[in-house]
Amino acid sequence: MSHIFPKSANRLPLQIIIFLVVFGGIVTAATTYYATPKYTRIGYAPVQPVPFSHAKHNGELGIDCRYCHSTVEKAGHAAVPTAQTCMNCHSQVKNQSPLLAPVRASYESGDPVEWVRVHQAPDYVYFDHSVHVNRGVSCVECHGQINEMEVVTHSKPLSMGFCLDCHRDPAPRLRDPKLVTQLDWKHPGGEDGQRADGEKFIHDWNIHPPQSCSGCHR
């Protein structure tokens, strides 16, 4: 009597199980990587080796963003302050605080403090801080109201769509470059005044969206 199913069918249940395990692993890995705050970044607020409050230093004490991030106006990246910058104040203020031990150790050894990066663009993206800052894009447009943050939190998606929305209609997000680091600043004319000034800046600076982007991403 001939067999209805070939002998190879005996391996089918095992193959199905292996497939489901592999498929489940791929789905789990993809979900963990792409659908968590560490990837989407929104709400990502890692624990840092030294607790640093922007609300205290910038919001309350009024320390200008450029004092610590000294390259934002002249370089593509925003420099992370060295221990020397911190010790300019903390050699006198709270100079024995155990919370600042990593800063003192860095200052003495020359090794950098191991800060955990919060804002990270993909490797294929080139973002130039100086270009944006010098054209009136405030820190709050990409980083949120960081002057109110006790812990730096990733509050904007910084996705391609986020960037393109701004590049297609930059006027509401532009201000006088002198006001870029005044993070609480609001236009006295409200949203309409903000847009009107932004459009004037675009005209005066002869800014045009890059055709290579606007032509494809519509």
N, C-alpha and C. Protein backbone atom coordinates (compact mmCIF):
# COMPACT_ATOMS: atom_id res chain seq x y z
N MET A 1 0.85 -1.19 0.00
CA MET A 1 0.00 0.00 0.00
C MET A 1 0.89 1.24 0.00
N SER A 2 0.68 2.11 -0.95
CA SER A 2 1.51 3.31 -1.05
C SER A 2 1.14 4.32 0.03
N HIS A 3 2.15 5.08 0.45
CA HIS A 3 1.92 6.12 1.47
C HIS A 3 1.25 7.33 0.83
N ILE A 4 0.30 7.91 1.56
CA ILE A 4 -0.39 9.10 1.07
C ILE A 4 0.56 10.29 1.06
N PHE A 5 1.37 10.40 2.14
CA PHE A 5 2.32 11.51 2.24
C PHE A 5 3.74 10.96 2.12
N PRO A 6 4.64 11.71 1.51
CA PRO A 6 6.04 11.26 1.42
C PRO A 6 6.70 11.30 2.80
N LYS A 7 7.80 10.58 2.96
CA LYS A 7 8.49 10.54 4.25
C LYS A 7 8.96 11.91 4.70
N SER A 8 9.24 12.77 3.72
CA SER A 8 9.71 14.12 4.08
C SER A 8 8.67 14.89 4.88
N ALA A 9 7.40 14.48 4.77
CA ALA A 9 6.34 15.16 5.52
C ALA A 9 6.51 14.98 7.03
N ASN A 10 7.25 13.94 7.44
CA ASN A 10 7.48 13.71 8.87
C ASN A 10 8.29 14.85 9.50
N ARG A 11 9.07 15.52 8.66
CA ARG A 11 9.90 16.62 9.19
C ARG A 11 9.16 17.96 9.21
N LEU A 12 7.96 17.97 8.62
CA LEU A 12 7.23 19.22 8.50
C LEU A 12 6.90 19.86 9.85
N PRO A 13 6.41 19.13 10.84
CA PRO A 13 6.11 19.78 12.13
C PRO A 13 7.33 20.44 12.76
N LEU A 14 8.49 19.75 12.67
CA LEU A 14 9.72 20.33 13.22
C LEU A 14 10.11 21.58 12.46
N GLN A 15 9.97 21.55 11.14
CA GLN A 15 10.29 22.72 10.33
C GLN A 15 9.39 23.90 10.66
N ILE A 16 8.11 23.60 10.88
CA ILE A 16 7.16 24.67 11.24
C ILE A 16 7.54 25.28 12.57
N ILE A 17 7.91 24.44 13.52
CA ILE A 17 8.30 24.94 14.85
C ILE A 17 9.54 25.82 14.74
N ILE A 18 10.54 25.34 13.98
CA ILE A 18 11.77 26.13 13.82
C ILE A 18 11.46 27.46 13.15
N PHE A 19 10.60 27.43 12.13
CA PHE A 19 10.22 28.67 11.43
C PHE A 19 9.55 29.65 12.39
N LEU A 20 8.62 29.14 13.20
CA LEU A 20 7.90 30.02 14.13
C LEU A 20 8.84 30.62 15.17
N VAL A 21 9.81 29.81 15.64
CA VAL A 21 10.77 30.32 16.63
C VAL A 21 11.63 31.42 16.01
N VAL A 22 12.14 31.16 14.78
CA VAL A 22 12.98 32.16 14.11
C VAL A 22 12.17 33.41 13.79
N PHE A 23 10.97 33.22 13.27
CA PHE A 23 10.11 34.36 12.93
C PHE A 23 9.76 35.17 14.17
N GLY A 24 9.44 34.46 15.26
CA GLY A 24 9.13 35.16 16.51
C GLY A 24 10.32 35.94 17.03
N GLY A 25 11.53 35.37 16.88
CA GLY A 25 12.73 36.08 17.31
C GLY A 25 12.97 37.34 16.50
N ILE A 26 12.73 37.25 15.17
CA ILE A 26 12.92 38.42 14.31
C ILE A 26 11.92 39.51 14.67
N VAL A 27 10.67 39.13 14.87
CA VAL A 27 9.63 40.11 15.23
C VAL A 27 9.96 40.75 16.57
N THR A 28 10.40 39.96 17.53
CA THR A 28 10.74 40.49 18.85
C THR A 28 11.91 41.46 18.77
N ALA A 29 12.94 41.07 18.01
CA ALA A 29 14.12 41.93 17.86
C ALA A 29 13.76 43.23 17.15
N ALA A 30 12.96 43.12 16.10
CA ALA A 30 12.57 44.32 15.35
C ALA A 30 11.73 45.25 16.21
N THR A 31 10.81 44.67 16.99
CA THR A 31 9.97 45.49 17.86
C THR A 31 10.81 46.16 18.94
N THR A 32 11.74 45.40 19.51
CA THR A 32 12.60 45.95 20.55
C THR A 32 13.45 47.10 20.02
N TYR A 33 13.94 46.95 18.79
CA TYR A 33 14.83 47.97 18.23
C TYR A 33 14.07 49.17 17.68
N TYR A 34 13.00 48.92 16.92
CA TYR A 34 12.34 49.99 16.20
C TYR A 34 11.15 50.61 16.94
N ALA A 35 10.58 49.93 17.90
CA ALA A 35 9.35 50.43 18.52
C ALA A 35 9.53 50.74 20.00
N THR A 36 10.73 51.07 20.40
CA THR A 36 10.97 51.45 21.79
C THR A 36 11.56 52.85 21.81
N PRO A 37 11.48 53.54 22.95
CA PRO A 37 12.00 54.92 23.03
C PRO A 37 13.46 55.06 22.62
N LYS A 38 14.27 54.00 22.82
CA LYS A 38 15.67 54.12 22.47
C LYS A 38 15.85 54.32 20.97
N TYR A 39 14.89 53.79 20.16
CA TYR A 39 14.97 54.01 18.72
C TYR A 39 14.18 55.25 18.30
N THR A 40 12.91 55.30 18.69
CA THR A 40 12.10 56.46 18.34
C THR A 40 12.57 57.68 19.12
N ARG A 41 13.26 57.44 20.21
CA ARG A 41 13.92 58.45 21.03
C ARG A 41 12.96 59.28 21.87
N ILE A 42 11.71 59.39 21.48
CA ILE A 42 10.79 60.22 22.25
C ILE A 42 10.70 59.69 23.68
N GLY A 43 11.00 60.55 24.63
CA GLY A 43 10.95 60.16 26.04
C GLY A 43 12.23 59.52 26.53
N TYR A 44 13.21 59.33 25.64
CA TYR A 44 14.48 58.70 26.04
C TYR A 44 15.25 59.64 26.96
N ALA A 45 15.54 59.19 28.16
CA ALA A 45 16.24 60.02 29.14
C ALA A 45 17.18 59.13 29.94
N PRO A 46 18.34 58.78 29.38
CA PRO A 46 19.25 57.85 30.05
C PRO A 46 19.85 58.44 31.32
N VAL A 47 20.25 57.56 32.22
CA VAL A 47 20.93 57.98 33.44
C VAL A 47 22.36 58.37 33.07
N GLN A 48 22.78 59.54 33.49
CA GLN A 48 24.11 60.05 33.17
C GLN A 48 25.06 59.82 34.35
N PRO A 49 26.36 59.78 34.08
CA PRO A 49 27.33 59.57 35.17
C PRO A 49 27.35 60.72 36.18
N VAL A 50 26.89 61.90 35.73
CA VAL A 50 26.78 63.05 36.63
C VAL A 50 25.40 63.66 36.41
N PRO A 51 24.60 63.81 37.45
CA PRO A 51 23.28 64.44 37.26
C PRO A 51 23.44 65.92 36.94
N PHE A 52 22.98 66.31 35.76
CA PHE A 52 23.12 67.70 35.33
C PHE A 52 21.75 68.25 35.02
N SER A 53 21.37 69.32 35.69
CA SER A 53 20.07 69.94 35.50
C SER A 53 20.19 71.17 34.60
N HIS A 54 19.62 71.09 33.40
CA HIS A 54 19.56 72.28 32.55
C HIS A 54 18.61 73.31 33.16
N ALA A 55 17.59 72.83 33.88
CA ALA A 55 16.66 73.75 34.52
C ALA A 55 17.39 74.63 35.54
N LYS A 56 18.36 74.07 36.24
CA LYS A 56 19.14 74.82 37.23
C LYS A 56 20.16 75.72 36.53
N HIS A 57 20.98 75.15 35.67
CA HIS A 57 22.10 75.89 35.09
C HIS A 57 21.64 76.93 34.06
N ASN A 58 20.74 76.53 33.18
CA ASN A 58 20.30 77.46 32.13
C ASN A 58 19.04 78.22 32.55
N GLY A 59 18.03 77.48 33.00
CA GLY A 59 16.77 78.13 33.32
C GLY A 59 16.83 79.06 34.51
N GLU A 60 17.45 78.60 35.61
CA GLU A 60 17.50 79.39 36.84
C GLU A 60 18.70 80.33 36.90
N LEU A 61 19.88 79.80 36.59
CA LEU A 61 21.10 80.61 36.70
C LEU A 61 21.38 81.44 35.43
N GLY A 62 20.73 81.08 34.33
CA GLY A 62 20.88 81.86 33.11
C GLY A 62 22.17 81.65 32.35
N ILE A 63 22.84 80.52 32.56
CA ILE A 63 24.08 80.24 31.82
C ILE A 63 23.72 80.00 30.36
N ASP A 64 24.34 80.74 29.48
CA ASP A 64 24.06 80.65 28.05
C ASP A 64 24.46 79.27 27.51
N CYS A 65 23.65 78.75 26.60
CA CYS A 65 23.91 77.44 26.00
C CYS A 65 25.34 77.36 25.44
N ARG A 66 25.80 78.48 24.88
CA ARG A 66 27.09 78.48 24.19
C ARG A 66 28.28 78.43 25.14
N TYR A 67 28.04 78.65 26.42
CA TYR A 67 29.14 78.54 27.37
C TYR A 67 29.62 77.10 27.46
N CYS A 68 28.67 76.17 27.46
CA CYS A 68 29.03 74.75 27.53
C CYS A 68 29.16 74.13 26.14
N HIS A 69 28.21 74.44 25.27
CA HIS A 69 28.23 73.90 23.90
C HIS A 69 28.84 74.97 23.00
N SER A 70 30.12 75.11 23.12
CA SER A 70 30.83 76.28 22.57
C SER A 70 30.98 76.29 21.06
N THR A 71 30.67 75.20 20.38
CA THR A 71 30.92 75.13 18.94
C THR A 71 29.65 75.24 18.09
N VAL A 72 28.49 75.45 18.72
CA VAL A 72 27.25 75.40 17.95
C VAL A 72 27.16 76.46 16.87
N GLU A 73 27.87 77.56 17.02
CA GLU A 73 27.80 78.63 16.04
C GLU A 73 28.86 78.52 14.94
N LYS A 74 29.82 77.62 15.13
CA LYS A 74 30.92 77.58 14.17
C LYS A 74 31.30 76.18 13.71
N ALA A 75 30.59 75.18 14.13
CA ALA A 75 30.93 73.81 13.73
C ALA A 75 29.66 72.99 13.51
N GLY A 76 29.84 71.86 12.86
CA GLY A 76 28.70 70.99 12.59
C GLY A 76 28.14 70.34 13.84
N HIS A 77 28.98 70.12 14.83
CA HIS A 77 28.55 69.43 16.04
C HIS A 77 28.51 70.40 17.22
N ALA A 78 27.70 70.04 18.20
CA ALA A 78 27.64 70.83 19.43
C ALA A 78 28.55 70.17 20.45
N ALA A 79 29.65 70.83 20.78
CA ALA A 79 30.64 70.23 21.67
C ALA A 79 30.06 69.95 23.05
N VAL A 80 30.42 68.81 23.59
CA VAL A 80 30.08 68.49 24.98
C VAL A 80 31.15 69.14 25.86
N PRO A 81 30.75 69.85 26.90
CA PRO A 81 31.74 70.57 27.71
C PRO A 81 32.76 69.64 28.36
N THR A 82 33.98 70.10 28.42
CA THR A 82 35.04 69.36 29.10
C THR A 82 34.93 69.56 30.60
N ALA A 83 35.66 68.76 31.33
CA ALA A 83 35.69 68.92 32.79
C ALA A 83 36.22 70.29 33.18
N GLN A 84 37.11 70.85 32.37
CA GLN A 84 37.64 72.19 32.65
C GLN A 84 36.51 73.22 32.69
N THR A 85 35.58 73.11 31.75
CA THR A 85 34.44 74.03 31.71
C THR A 85 33.62 73.91 32.99
N CYS A 86 33.38 72.69 33.41
CA CYS A 86 32.61 72.47 34.65
C CYS A 86 33.37 73.02 35.86
N MET A 87 34.67 72.78 35.88
CA MET A 87 35.47 73.16 37.04
C MET A 87 35.69 74.67 37.14
N ASN A 88 35.43 75.39 36.06
CA ASN A 88 35.51 76.84 36.15
C ASN A 88 34.61 77.36 37.27
N CYS A 89 33.48 76.70 37.45
CA CYS A 89 32.57 77.06 38.54
C CYS A 89 32.74 76.12 39.73
N HIS A 90 32.82 74.82 39.44
CA HIS A 90 32.74 73.84 40.52
C HIS A 90 34.06 73.62 41.27
N SER A 91 35.08 74.37 40.91
CA SER A 91 36.26 74.38 41.78
C SER A 91 35.96 75.19 43.04
N GLN A 92 34.91 76.02 42.96
CA GLN A 92 34.49 76.82 44.10
C GLN A 92 33.11 76.41 44.62
N VAL A 93 32.21 76.08 43.69
CA VAL A 93 30.82 75.75 44.05
C VAL A 93 30.67 74.23 44.18
N LYS A 94 30.25 73.80 45.36
CA LYS A 94 30.05 72.37 45.62
C LYS A 94 31.27 71.55 45.20
N ASN A 95 32.42 72.04 45.56
CA ASN A 95 33.66 71.39 45.12
C ASN A 95 33.97 70.09 45.84
N GLN A 96 33.17 69.74 46.84
CA GLN A 96 33.36 68.46 47.53
C GLN A 96 32.17 67.52 47.33
N SER A 97 31.25 67.90 46.48
CA SER A 97 30.06 67.08 46.27
C SER A 97 30.42 65.73 45.69
N PRO A 98 29.94 64.64 46.29
CA PRO A 98 30.24 63.31 45.74
C PRO A 98 29.63 63.11 44.36
N LEU A 99 28.57 63.85 44.04
CA LEU A 99 27.94 63.73 42.73
C LEU A 99 28.87 64.22 41.61
N LEU A 100 29.79 65.10 41.99
CA LEU A 100 30.70 65.67 41.00
C LEU A 100 32.06 64.95 40.96
N ALA A 101 32.16 63.83 41.65
CA ALA A 101 33.42 63.08 41.67
C ALA A 101 33.90 62.70 40.27
N PRO A 102 33.00 62.25 39.35
CA PRO A 102 33.48 61.93 38.00
C PRO A 102 34.06 63.15 37.27
N VAL A 103 33.53 64.32 37.55
CA VAL A 103 34.05 65.54 36.91
C VAL A 103 35.44 65.86 37.44
N ARG A 104 35.60 65.76 38.75
CA ARG A 104 36.92 66.04 39.34
C ARG A 104 37.95 65.03 38.85
N ALA A 105 37.53 63.76 38.76
CA ALA A 105 38.45 62.72 38.28
C ALA A 105 38.85 62.98 36.83
N SER A 106 37.89 63.41 36.02
CA SER A 106 38.16 63.73 34.62
C SER A 106 39.12 64.91 34.51
N TYR A 107 38.91 65.90 35.35
CA TYR A 107 39.76 67.09 35.34
C TYR A 107 41.21 66.75 35.70
N GLU A 108 41.36 65.84 36.66
CA GLU A 108 42.71 65.48 37.12
C GLU A 108 43.41 64.53 36.15
N SER A 109 42.64 63.64 35.52
CA SER A 109 43.26 62.62 34.66
C SER A 109 43.31 63.02 33.19
N GLY A 110 42.41 63.90 32.79
CA GLY A 110 42.33 64.25 31.37
C GLY A 110 41.42 63.33 30.57
N ASP A 111 40.93 62.28 31.19
CA ASP A 111 39.98 61.38 30.52
C ASP A 111 38.59 62.01 30.53
N PRO A 112 37.85 61.89 29.44
CA PRO A 112 36.53 62.52 29.39
C PRO A 112 35.52 61.83 30.29
N VAL A 113 34.54 62.60 30.73
CA VAL A 113 33.41 62.03 31.45
C VAL A 113 32.61 61.20 30.45
N GLU A 114 32.19 60.02 30.83
CA GLU A 114 31.48 59.13 29.91
C GLU A 114 30.00 59.47 29.85
N TRP A 115 29.70 60.62 29.24
CA TRP A 115 28.30 61.02 29.07
C TRP A 115 27.59 60.06 28.12
N VAL A 116 26.31 59.85 28.35
CA VAL A 116 25.51 59.00 27.47
C VAL A 116 24.80 59.91 26.47
N ARG A 117 25.03 59.67 25.19
CA ARG A 117 24.43 60.51 24.16
C ARG A 117 22.91 60.34 24.15
N VAL A 118 22.21 61.44 24.10
CA VAL A 118 20.74 61.42 24.07
C VAL A 118 20.23 61.60 22.64
N HIS A 119 20.74 62.62 21.95
CA HIS A 119 20.29 62.91 20.59
C HIS A 119 21.29 62.31 19.59
N GLN A 120 20.79 61.44 18.75
CA GLN A 120 21.66 60.72 17.82
C GLN A 120 21.00 60.63 16.45
N ALA A 121 21.56 61.29 15.46
CA ALA A 121 21.05 61.16 14.09
C ALA A 121 21.63 59.90 13.46
N PRO A 122 20.92 59.30 12.51
CA PRO A 122 21.46 58.13 11.82
C PRO A 122 22.80 58.45 11.15
N ASP A 123 23.60 57.43 10.92
CA ASP A 123 24.94 57.62 10.34
C ASP A 123 24.88 58.28 8.96
N TYR A 124 23.78 58.06 8.23
CA TYR A 124 23.70 58.60 6.87
C TYR A 124 23.20 60.05 6.84
N VAL A 125 22.93 60.62 8.01
CA VAL A 125 22.44 62.00 8.09
C VAL A 125 23.57 62.92 8.52
N TYR A 126 23.72 64.02 7.80
CA TYR A 126 24.67 65.04 8.21
C TYR A 126 23.89 66.27 8.66
N PHE A 127 24.04 66.61 9.91
CA PHE A 127 23.35 67.79 10.46
C PHE A 127 24.40 68.78 10.93
N ASP A 128 24.31 70.00 10.42
CA ASP A 128 25.27 71.04 10.78
C ASP A 128 24.60 72.03 11.73
N HIS A 129 25.05 72.03 13.00
CA HIS A 129 24.46 72.94 13.98
C HIS A 129 24.65 74.40 13.59
N SER A 130 25.85 74.72 13.12
CA SER A 130 26.16 76.13 12.85
C SER A 130 25.25 76.71 11.77
N VAL A 131 24.95 75.93 10.74
CA VAL A 131 24.09 76.42 9.66
C VAL A 131 22.71 76.78 10.20
N HIS A 132 22.17 75.92 11.05
CA HIS A 132 20.83 76.16 11.59
C HIS A 132 20.82 77.29 12.62
N VAL A 133 21.77 77.26 13.54
CA VAL A 133 21.81 78.28 14.60
C VAL A 133 22.03 79.67 14.02
N ASN A 134 22.90 79.78 13.05
CA ASN A 134 23.19 81.08 12.45
C ASN A 134 22.10 81.59 11.52
N ARG A 135 21.11 80.75 11.27
CA ARG A 135 19.96 81.18 10.47
C ARG A 135 18.70 81.26 11.32
N GLY A 136 18.88 81.30 12.63
CA GLY A 136 17.75 81.60 13.50
C GLY A 136 16.90 80.43 13.95
N VAL A 137 17.44 79.20 13.87
CA VAL A 137 16.72 78.04 14.39
C VAL A 137 17.16 77.84 15.84
N SER A 138 16.24 78.06 16.75
CA SER A 138 16.57 77.96 18.18
C SER A 138 16.75 76.51 18.62
N CYS A 139 17.46 76.34 19.70
CA CYS A 139 17.68 75.01 20.29
C CYS A 139 16.36 74.30 20.56
N VAL A 140 15.33 75.07 20.96
CA VAL A 140 14.06 74.45 21.37
C VAL A 140 13.36 73.78 20.20
N GLU A 141 13.67 74.19 18.96
CA GLU A 141 12.98 73.60 17.82
C GLU A 141 13.32 72.12 17.66
N CYS A 142 14.54 71.74 18.00
CA CYS A 142 14.96 70.34 17.87
C CYS A 142 15.06 69.61 19.21
N HIS A 143 15.37 70.37 20.26
CA HIS A 143 15.61 69.74 21.56
C HIS A 143 14.48 69.95 22.57
N GLY A 144 13.48 70.73 22.20
CA GLY A 144 12.41 71.00 23.14
C GLY A 144 12.81 72.05 24.17
N GLN A 145 11.98 72.23 25.17
CA GLN A 145 12.22 73.26 26.19
C GLN A 145 13.26 72.76 27.18
N ILE A 146 14.48 72.68 26.69
CA ILE A 146 15.54 72.04 27.47
C ILE A 146 15.91 72.84 28.70
N ASN A 147 15.63 74.13 28.69
CA ASN A 147 15.91 74.97 29.86
C ASN A 147 15.00 74.66 31.03
N GLU A 148 14.03 73.79 30.84
CA GLU A 148 13.12 73.38 31.92
C GLU A 148 13.35 71.94 32.35
N MET A 149 14.33 71.29 31.76
CA MET A 149 14.55 69.86 32.01
C MET A 149 15.53 69.61 33.14
N GLU A 150 15.10 68.87 34.14
CA GLU A 150 16.02 68.41 35.18
C GLU A 150 16.93 67.33 34.62
N VAL A 151 16.37 66.49 33.76
CA VAL A 151 17.13 65.44 33.07
C VAL A 151 16.90 65.63 31.58
N VAL A 152 17.95 65.65 30.79
CA VAL A 152 17.79 65.83 29.35
C VAL A 152 16.98 64.68 28.78
N THR A 153 15.90 65.04 28.11
CA THR A 153 14.99 64.06 27.54
C THR A 153 14.83 64.32 26.05
N HIS A 154 14.81 63.25 25.29
CA HIS A 154 14.61 63.37 23.85
C HIS A 154 13.13 63.66 23.62
N SER A 155 12.81 64.91 23.25
CA SER A 155 11.41 65.30 23.17
C SER A 155 10.88 65.47 21.75
N LYS A 156 11.76 65.46 20.76
CA LYS A 156 11.36 65.59 19.36
C LYS A 156 11.81 64.35 18.59
N PRO A 157 11.07 63.92 17.57
CA PRO A 157 11.44 62.68 16.88
C PRO A 157 12.73 62.77 16.07
N LEU A 158 13.05 63.96 15.53
CA LEU A 158 14.23 64.14 14.68
C LEU A 158 14.26 63.14 13.53
N SER A 159 13.09 62.77 13.05
CA SER A 159 12.97 61.84 11.93
C SER A 159 13.08 62.60 10.61
N MET A 160 13.12 61.87 9.51
CA MET A 160 13.17 62.53 8.21
C MET A 160 11.94 63.41 8.03
N GLY A 161 10.77 62.89 8.42
CA GLY A 161 9.54 63.66 8.29
C GLY A 161 9.59 64.94 9.11
N PHE A 162 10.15 64.84 10.31
CA PHE A 162 10.28 66.01 11.18
C PHE A 162 11.13 67.09 10.51
N CYS A 163 12.27 66.68 9.94
CA CYS A 163 13.15 67.64 9.27
C CYS A 163 12.50 68.22 8.02
N LEU A 164 11.84 67.37 7.23
CA LEU A 164 11.24 67.85 5.99
C LEU A 164 10.09 68.81 6.26
N ASP A 165 9.33 68.57 7.31
CA ASP A 165 8.25 69.49 7.66
C ASP A 165 8.80 70.89 7.90
N CYS A 166 9.95 70.96 8.54
CA CYS A 166 10.58 72.25 8.82
C CYS A 166 11.15 72.86 7.54
N HIS A 167 11.80 72.05 6.71
CA HIS A 167 12.43 72.59 5.50
C HIS A 167 11.40 73.03 4.47
N ARG A 168 10.22 72.42 4.50
CA ARG A 168 9.17 72.84 3.57
C ARG A 168 8.50 74.13 4.01
N ASP A 169 8.49 74.37 5.31
CA ASP A 169 7.84 75.58 5.84
C ASP A 169 8.62 76.09 7.04
N PRO A 170 9.80 76.66 6.81
CA PRO A 170 10.67 77.06 7.93
C PRO A 170 10.24 78.34 8.64
N ALA A 171 9.43 79.18 8.00
CA ALA A 171 9.13 80.50 8.54
C ALA A 171 8.67 80.50 10.00
N PRO A 172 7.74 79.64 10.41
CA PRO A 172 7.28 79.69 11.80
C PRO A 172 8.34 79.28 12.82
N ARG A 173 9.46 78.75 12.35
CA ARG A 173 10.48 78.24 13.26
C ARG A 173 11.74 79.10 13.28
N LEU A 174 11.71 80.22 12.56
CA LEU A 174 12.88 81.09 12.50
C LEU A 174 12.70 82.30 13.39
N ARG A 175 13.79 82.75 13.96
CA ARG A 175 13.81 83.97 14.75
C ARG A 175 15.12 84.70 14.50
N ASP A 176 15.23 85.89 15.01
CA ASP A 176 16.49 86.63 14.92
C ASP A 176 17.59 85.76 15.55
N PRO A 177 18.70 85.53 14.85
CA PRO A 177 19.77 84.69 15.40
C PRO A 177 20.25 85.14 16.78
N LYS A 178 20.09 86.42 17.10
CA LYS A 178 20.49 86.91 18.42
C LYS A 178 19.62 86.33 19.53
N LEU A 179 18.46 85.78 19.15
CA LEU A 179 17.51 85.25 20.14
C LEU A 179 17.52 83.73 20.21
N VAL A 180 18.41 83.11 19.46
CA VAL A 180 18.41 81.65 19.35
C VAL A 180 18.55 80.96 20.71
N THR A 181 19.41 81.48 21.58
CA THR A 181 19.65 80.82 22.87
C THR A 181 18.77 81.38 23.98
N GLN A 182 17.84 82.27 23.66
CA GLN A 182 16.85 82.73 24.63
C GLN A 182 15.66 81.78 24.54
N LEU A 183 15.75 80.69 25.28
CA LEU A 183 14.85 79.56 25.06
C LEU A 183 13.41 79.82 25.48
N ASP A 184 13.18 80.81 26.31
CA ASP A 184 11.81 81.15 26.71
C ASP A 184 11.18 82.23 25.83
N TRP A 185 11.92 82.71 24.85
CA TRP A 185 11.45 83.81 24.02
C TRP A 185 10.22 83.42 23.21
N LYS A 186 9.22 84.30 23.20
CA LYS A 186 8.04 84.15 22.37
C LYS A 186 7.86 85.43 21.57
N HIS A 187 7.47 85.29 20.34
CA HIS A 187 7.28 86.47 19.50
C HIS A 187 6.13 87.32 20.06
N PRO A 188 6.36 88.62 20.25
CA PRO A 188 5.29 89.48 20.81
C PRO A 188 4.05 89.53 19.92
N GLY A 189 4.23 89.22 18.63
CA GLY A 189 3.09 89.22 17.71
C GLY A 189 2.44 87.87 17.56
N GLY A 190 2.81 86.93 18.41
CA GLY A 190 2.23 85.59 18.35
C GLY A 190 2.67 84.82 17.11
N GLU A 191 1.89 83.80 16.76
CA GLU A 191 2.26 82.93 15.63
C GLU A 191 2.29 83.69 14.31
N ASP A 192 1.35 84.63 14.14
CA ASP A 192 1.32 85.40 12.90
C ASP A 192 2.57 86.27 12.77
N GLY A 193 2.96 86.90 13.87
CA GLY A 193 4.17 87.71 13.86
C GLY A 193 5.41 86.88 13.62
N GLN A 194 5.44 85.69 14.21
CA GLN A 194 6.57 84.77 14.03
C GLN A 194 6.71 84.38 12.56
N ARG A 195 5.58 84.04 11.94
CA ARG A 195 5.62 83.65 10.53
C ARG A 195 6.04 84.82 9.63
N ALA A 196 5.51 86.00 9.92
CA ALA A 196 5.84 87.16 9.10
C ALA A 196 7.33 87.47 9.17
N ASP A 197 7.88 87.45 10.38
CA ASP A 197 9.32 87.70 10.53
C ASP A 197 10.13 86.60 9.85
N GLY A 198 9.68 85.34 10.02
CA GLY A 198 10.38 84.22 9.41
C GLY A 198 10.42 84.33 7.90
N GLU A 199 9.32 84.72 7.30
CA GLU A 199 9.28 84.89 5.85
C GLU A 199 10.20 86.02 5.41
N LYS A 200 10.29 87.06 6.23
CA LYS A 200 11.20 88.17 5.91
C LYS A 200 12.65 87.69 5.97
N PHE A 201 12.98 86.88 6.99
CA PHE A 201 14.33 86.34 7.10
C PHE A 201 14.66 85.50 5.87
N ILE A 202 13.71 84.66 5.45
CA ILE A 202 13.93 83.79 4.30
C ILE A 202 14.21 84.64 3.06
N HIS A 203 13.45 85.71 2.90
CA HIS A 203 13.65 86.60 1.74
C HIS A 203 15.00 87.30 1.83
N ASP A 204 15.31 87.83 3.01
CA ASP A 204 16.56 88.58 3.16
C ASP A 204 17.78 87.69 3.00
N TRP A 205 17.68 86.46 3.51
CA TRP A 205 18.82 85.55 3.46
C TRP A 205 18.86 84.74 2.17
N ASN A 206 17.80 84.88 1.35
CA ASN A 206 17.73 84.15 0.09
C ASN A 206 17.83 82.65 0.31
N ILE A 207 17.06 82.17 1.29
CA ILE A 207 17.05 80.74 1.62
C ILE A 207 16.06 80.01 0.72
N HIS A 208 16.50 78.91 0.15
CA HIS A 208 15.62 78.08 -0.66
C HIS A 208 15.80 76.63 -0.23
N PRO A 209 14.72 75.85 -0.15
CA PRO A 209 14.86 74.44 0.22
C PRO A 209 15.66 73.70 -0.82
N PRO A 210 16.55 72.79 -0.42
CA PRO A 210 17.34 72.03 -1.39
C PRO A 210 16.46 71.21 -2.31
N GLN A 211 16.62 71.41 -3.62
CA GLN A 211 15.79 70.71 -4.59
C GLN A 211 15.96 69.20 -4.52
N SER A 212 17.17 68.76 -4.16
CA SER A 212 17.44 67.32 -4.10
C SER A 212 16.55 66.64 -3.08
N CYS A 213 16.12 67.39 -2.05
CA CYS A 213 15.24 66.81 -1.03
C CYS A 213 13.78 67.06 -1.39
N SER A 214 13.46 68.34 -1.68
CA SER A 214 12.06 68.69 -1.89
C SER A 214 11.49 68.03 -3.14
N GLY A 215 12.36 67.68 -4.08
CA GLY A 215 11.87 67.05 -5.30
C GLY A 215 11.44 65.62 -5.10
N CYS A 216 12.03 64.95 -4.10
CA CYS A 216 11.73 63.53 -3.87
C CYS A 216 10.74 63.33 -2.73
N HIS A 217 10.91 64.08 -1.65
CA HIS A 217 10.12 63.85 -0.45
C HIS A 217 8.97 64.84 -0.40
N ARG A 218 7.87 64.50 -1.07
CA ARG A 218 6.72 65.40 -1.14
C ARG A 218 5.55 64.80 -0.38
